[in-house]
C-alpha atoms as a PDB file:
ATOM      1  CA  UNK A   1     -29.647  50.420  54.989  1.00  0.00           C
ATOM      2  CA  UNK A   2     -28.302  53.340  56.971  1.00  0.00           C
ATOM      3  CA  UNK A   3     -28.513  52.886  60.710  1.00  0.00           C
ATOM      4  CA  UNK A   4     -29.293  56.164  62.433  1.00  0.00           C
ATOM      5  CA  UNK A   5     -30.642  55.062  65.817  1.00  0.00           C
ATOM      6  CA  UNK A   6     -28.280  54.101  68.606  1.00  0.00           C
ATOM      7  CA  UNK A   7     -29.374  51.645  71.314  1.00  0.00           C
ATOM      8  CA  UNK A   8     -27.362  51.052  74.447  1.00  0.00           C
ATOM      9  CA  UNK A   9     -27.783  47.934  76.589  1.00  0.00           C
ATOM     10  CA  UNK A  10     -26.461  46.975  79.980  1.00  0.00           C
ATOM     11  CA  UNK A  11     -25.229  43.423  80.540  1.00  0.00           C
ATOM     12  CA  UNK A  12     -23.772  41.546  83.442  1.00  0.00           C
ATOM     13  CA  UNK A  13     -20.186  40.429  82.935  1.00  0.00           C
ATOM     14  CA  UNK A  14     -21.348  36.873  82.217  1.00  0.00           C
ATOM     15  CA  UNK A  15     -23.952  38.046  79.674  1.00  0.00           C
ATOM     16  CA  UNK A  16     -21.422  40.270  77.915  1.00  0.00           C
ATOM     17  CA  UNK A  17     -18.924  37.407  77.698  1.00  0.00           C
ATOM     18  CA  UNK A  18     -21.644  35.079  76.416  1.00  0.00           C
ATOM     19  CA  UNK A  19     -22.647  37.539  73.672  1.00  0.00           C
ATOM     20  CA  UNK A  20     -19.016  38.080  72.710  1.00  0.00           C
ATOM     21  CA  UNK A  21     -18.350  34.315  72.594  1.00  0.00           C
ATOM     22  CA  UNK A  22     -21.443  33.600  70.476  1.00  0.00           C
ATOM     23  CA  UNK A  23     -20.667  36.426  68.060  1.00  0.00           C
ATOM     24  CA  UNK A  24     -17.120  35.130  67.640  1.00  0.00           C
ATOM     25  CA  UNK A  25     -18.331  31.541  67.014  1.00  0.00           C
ATOM     26  CA  UNK A  26     -20.607  32.785  64.221  1.00  0.00           C
ATOM     27  CA  UNK A  27     -17.987  35.175  62.763  1.00  0.00           C
ATOM     28  CA  UNK A  28     -20.333  38.131  63.247  1.00  0.00           C
ATOM     29  CA  UNK A  29     -20.062  41.342  65.198  1.00  0.00           C
ATOM     30  CA  UNK A  30     -22.188  41.543  68.327  1.00  0.00           C
ATOM     31  CA  UNK A  31     -24.434  44.115  66.620  1.00  0.00           C
ATOM     32  CA  UNK A  32     -24.876  41.921  63.521  1.00  0.00           C
ATOM     33  CA  UNK A  33     -25.733  38.945  65.730  1.00  0.00           C
ATOM     34  CA  UNK A  34     -28.404  40.937  67.594  1.00  0.00           C
ATOM     35  CA  UNK A  35     -29.850  42.202  64.279  1.00  0.00           C
ATOM     36  CA  UNK A  36     -30.132  38.644  62.920  1.00  0.00           C
ATOM     37  CA  UNK A  37     -31.806  37.459  66.107  1.00  0.00           C
ATOM     38  CA  UNK A  38     -34.278  40.367  65.967  1.00  0.00           C
ATOM     39  CA  UNK A  39     -35.212  39.396  62.415  1.00  0.00           C
ATOM     40  CA  UNK A  40     -35.938  35.860  63.561  1.00  0.00           C
ATOM     41  CA  UNK A  41     -32.822  34.079  62.302  1.00  0.00           C
ATOM     42  CA  UNK A  42     -30.507  31.817  64.235  1.00  0.00           C
ATOM     43  CA  UNK A  43     -26.988  32.074  62.803  1.00  0.00           C
ATOM     44  CA  UNK A  44     -24.915  28.952  62.451  1.00  0.00           C
ATOM     45  CA  UNK A  45     -21.483  28.531  63.931  1.00  0.00           C
ATOM     46  CA  UNK A  46     -18.535  28.722  61.568  1.00  0.00           C
ATOM     47  CA  UNK A  47     -17.800  25.234  60.198  1.00  0.00           C
ATOM     48  CA  UNK A  48     -14.415  23.669  60.776  1.00  0.00           C
ATOM     49  CA  UNK A  49     -11.620  23.693  58.185  1.00  0.00           C
ATOM     50  CA  UNK A  50     -12.643  20.321  56.741  1.00  0.00           C
ATOM     51  CA  UNK A  51     -15.822  21.922  55.393  1.00  0.00           C
ATOM     52  CA  UNK A  52     -13.846  24.529  53.452  1.00  0.00           C
ATOM     53  CA  UNK A  53     -11.439  21.891  52.114  1.00  0.00           C
ATOM     54  CA  UNK A  54     -14.382  19.841  50.838  1.00  0.00           C
ATOM     55  CA  UNK A  55     -16.000  22.920  49.288  1.00  0.00           C
ATOM     56  CA  UNK A  56     -12.780  23.821  47.436  1.00  0.00           C
ATOM     57  CA  UNK A  57     -12.451  20.264  46.172  1.00  0.00           C
ATOM     58  CA  UNK A  58     -16.096  20.173  45.132  1.00  0.00           C
ATOM     59  CA  UNK A  59     -15.695  23.483  43.308  1.00  0.00           C
ATOM     60  CA  UNK A  60     -12.641  22.157  41.471  1.00  0.00           C
ATOM     61  CA  UNK A  61     -14.557  19.035  40.426  1.00  0.00           C
ATOM     62  CA  UNK A  62     -17.415  21.151  39.123  1.00  0.00           C
ATOM     63  CA  UNK A  63     -15.040  23.331  37.141  1.00  0.00           C
ATOM     64  CA  UNK A  64     -13.319  20.270  35.664  1.00  0.00           C
ATOM     65  CA  UNK A  65     -16.647  18.801  34.603  1.00  0.00           C
ATOM     66  CA  UNK A  66     -17.604  22.087  32.985  1.00  0.00           C
ATOM     67  CA  UNK A  67     -14.296  22.245  31.083  1.00  0.00           C
ATOM     68  CA  UNK A  68     -14.713  18.637  29.931  1.00  0.00           C
ATOM     69  CA  UNK A  69     -18.207  19.436  28.777  1.00  0.00           C
ATOM     70  CA  UNK A  70     -17.010  22.383  26.700  1.00  0.00           C
ATOM     71  CA  UNK A  71     -14.222  20.326  25.121  1.00  0.00           C
ATOM     72  CA  UNK A  72     -16.479  17.333  24.455  1.00  0.00           C
ATOM     73  CA  UNK A  73     -19.078  19.560  22.838  1.00  0.00           C
ATOM     74  CA  UNK A  74     -16.443  21.137  20.581  1.00  0.00           C
ATOM     75  CA  UNK A  75     -15.049  17.738  19.511  1.00  0.00           C
ATOM     76  CA  UNK A  76     -18.456  15.985  19.287  1.00  0.00           C
ATOM     77  CA  UNK A  77     -17.323  12.734  20.877  1.00  0.00           C
ATOM     78  CA  UNK A  78     -19.274  12.596  24.150  1.00  0.00           C
ATOM     79  CA  UNK A  79     -22.807  13.262  25.330  1.00  0.00           C
ATOM     80  CA  UNK A  80     -22.323  16.937  26.134  1.00  0.00           C
ATOM     81  CA  UNK A  81     -25.864  17.536  27.485  1.00  0.00           C
ATOM     82  CA  UNK A  82     -25.469  14.712  29.996  1.00  0.00           C
ATOM     83  CA  UNK A  83     -22.083  16.021  31.092  1.00  0.00           C
ATOM     84  CA  UNK A  84     -23.461  19.556  31.443  1.00  0.00           C
ATOM     85  CA  UNK A  85     -26.365  18.192  33.488  1.00  0.00           C
ATOM     86  CA  UNK A  86     -23.868  16.479  35.800  1.00  0.00           C
ATOM     87  CA  UNK A  87     -21.937  19.729  36.205  1.00  0.00           C
ATOM     88  CA  UNK A  88     -25.154  21.500  37.138  1.00  0.00           C
ATOM     89  CA  UNK A  89     -25.901  18.787  39.702  1.00  0.00           C
ATOM     90  CA  UNK A  90     -22.485  19.348  41.318  1.00  0.00           C
ATOM     91  CA  UNK A  91     -23.051  23.098  41.499  1.00  0.00           C
ATOM     92  CA  UNK A  92     -26.495  22.560  43.045  1.00  0.00           C
ATOM     93  CA  UNK A  93     -24.958  20.192  45.592  1.00  0.00           C
ATOM     94  CA  UNK A  94     -22.374  22.834  46.486  1.00  0.00           C
ATOM     95  CA  UNK A  95     -25.114  25.446  46.970  1.00  0.00           C
ATOM     96  CA  UNK A  96     -27.112  23.025  49.127  1.00  0.00           C
ATOM     97  CA  UNK A  97     -24.081  22.337  51.340  1.00  0.00           C
ATOM     98  CA  UNK A  98     -23.519  26.071  51.791  1.00  0.00           C
ATOM     99  CA  UNK A  99     -27.204  26.570  52.639  1.00  0.00           C
ATOM    100  CA  UNK A 100     -27.193  23.797  55.232  1.00  0.00           C
ATOM    101  CA  UNK A 101     -23.899  24.684  56.913  1.00  0.00           C
ATOM    102  CA  UNK A 102     -23.468  28.432  56.479  1.00  0.00           C
ATOM    103  CA  UNK A 103     -26.674  30.380  56.023  1.00  0.00           C
ATOM    104  CA  UNK A 104     -28.745  31.322  59.069  1.00  0.00           C
ATOM    105  CA  UNK A 105     -32.113  29.652  59.360  1.00  0.00           C
ATOM    106  CA  UNK A 106     -35.491  31.044  60.351  1.00  0.00           C
ATOM    107  CA  UNK A 107     -36.169  30.770  64.053  1.00  0.00           C
ATOM    108  CA  UNK A 108     -39.253  29.069  65.412  1.00  0.00           C
ATOM    109  CA  UNK A 109     -39.678  31.588  68.230  1.00  0.00           C
ATOM    110  CA  UNK A 110     -43.294  32.719  68.616  1.00  0.00           C
ATOM    111  CA  UNK A 111     -42.742  36.257  69.982  1.00  0.00           C
ATOM    112  CA  UNK A 112     -41.673  37.794  66.690  1.00  0.00           C
END
């Protein structure tokens, strides 16, 4: 969406610092943070490095399961559908973790 309307706001020094700090904690620009808030979403703070380590490990596990499933199916010596189902469960878990920790959630504010 092309943004063609400019809005200018005046803040106190404390308000400006607060906006800057909150935008930095969510890894968004100040403008992007304001846009999310206007749409009724409350962005989440960036998770710590442990989260990303776990996500990489989880992704690697899912990929390994998928590779095992393909090999087992080709050699016909393991229950490939069950293994594929397990791989899908891991990928769903990864998506759920991302949704809980990373994606902004709808605000409960009544003035929208």
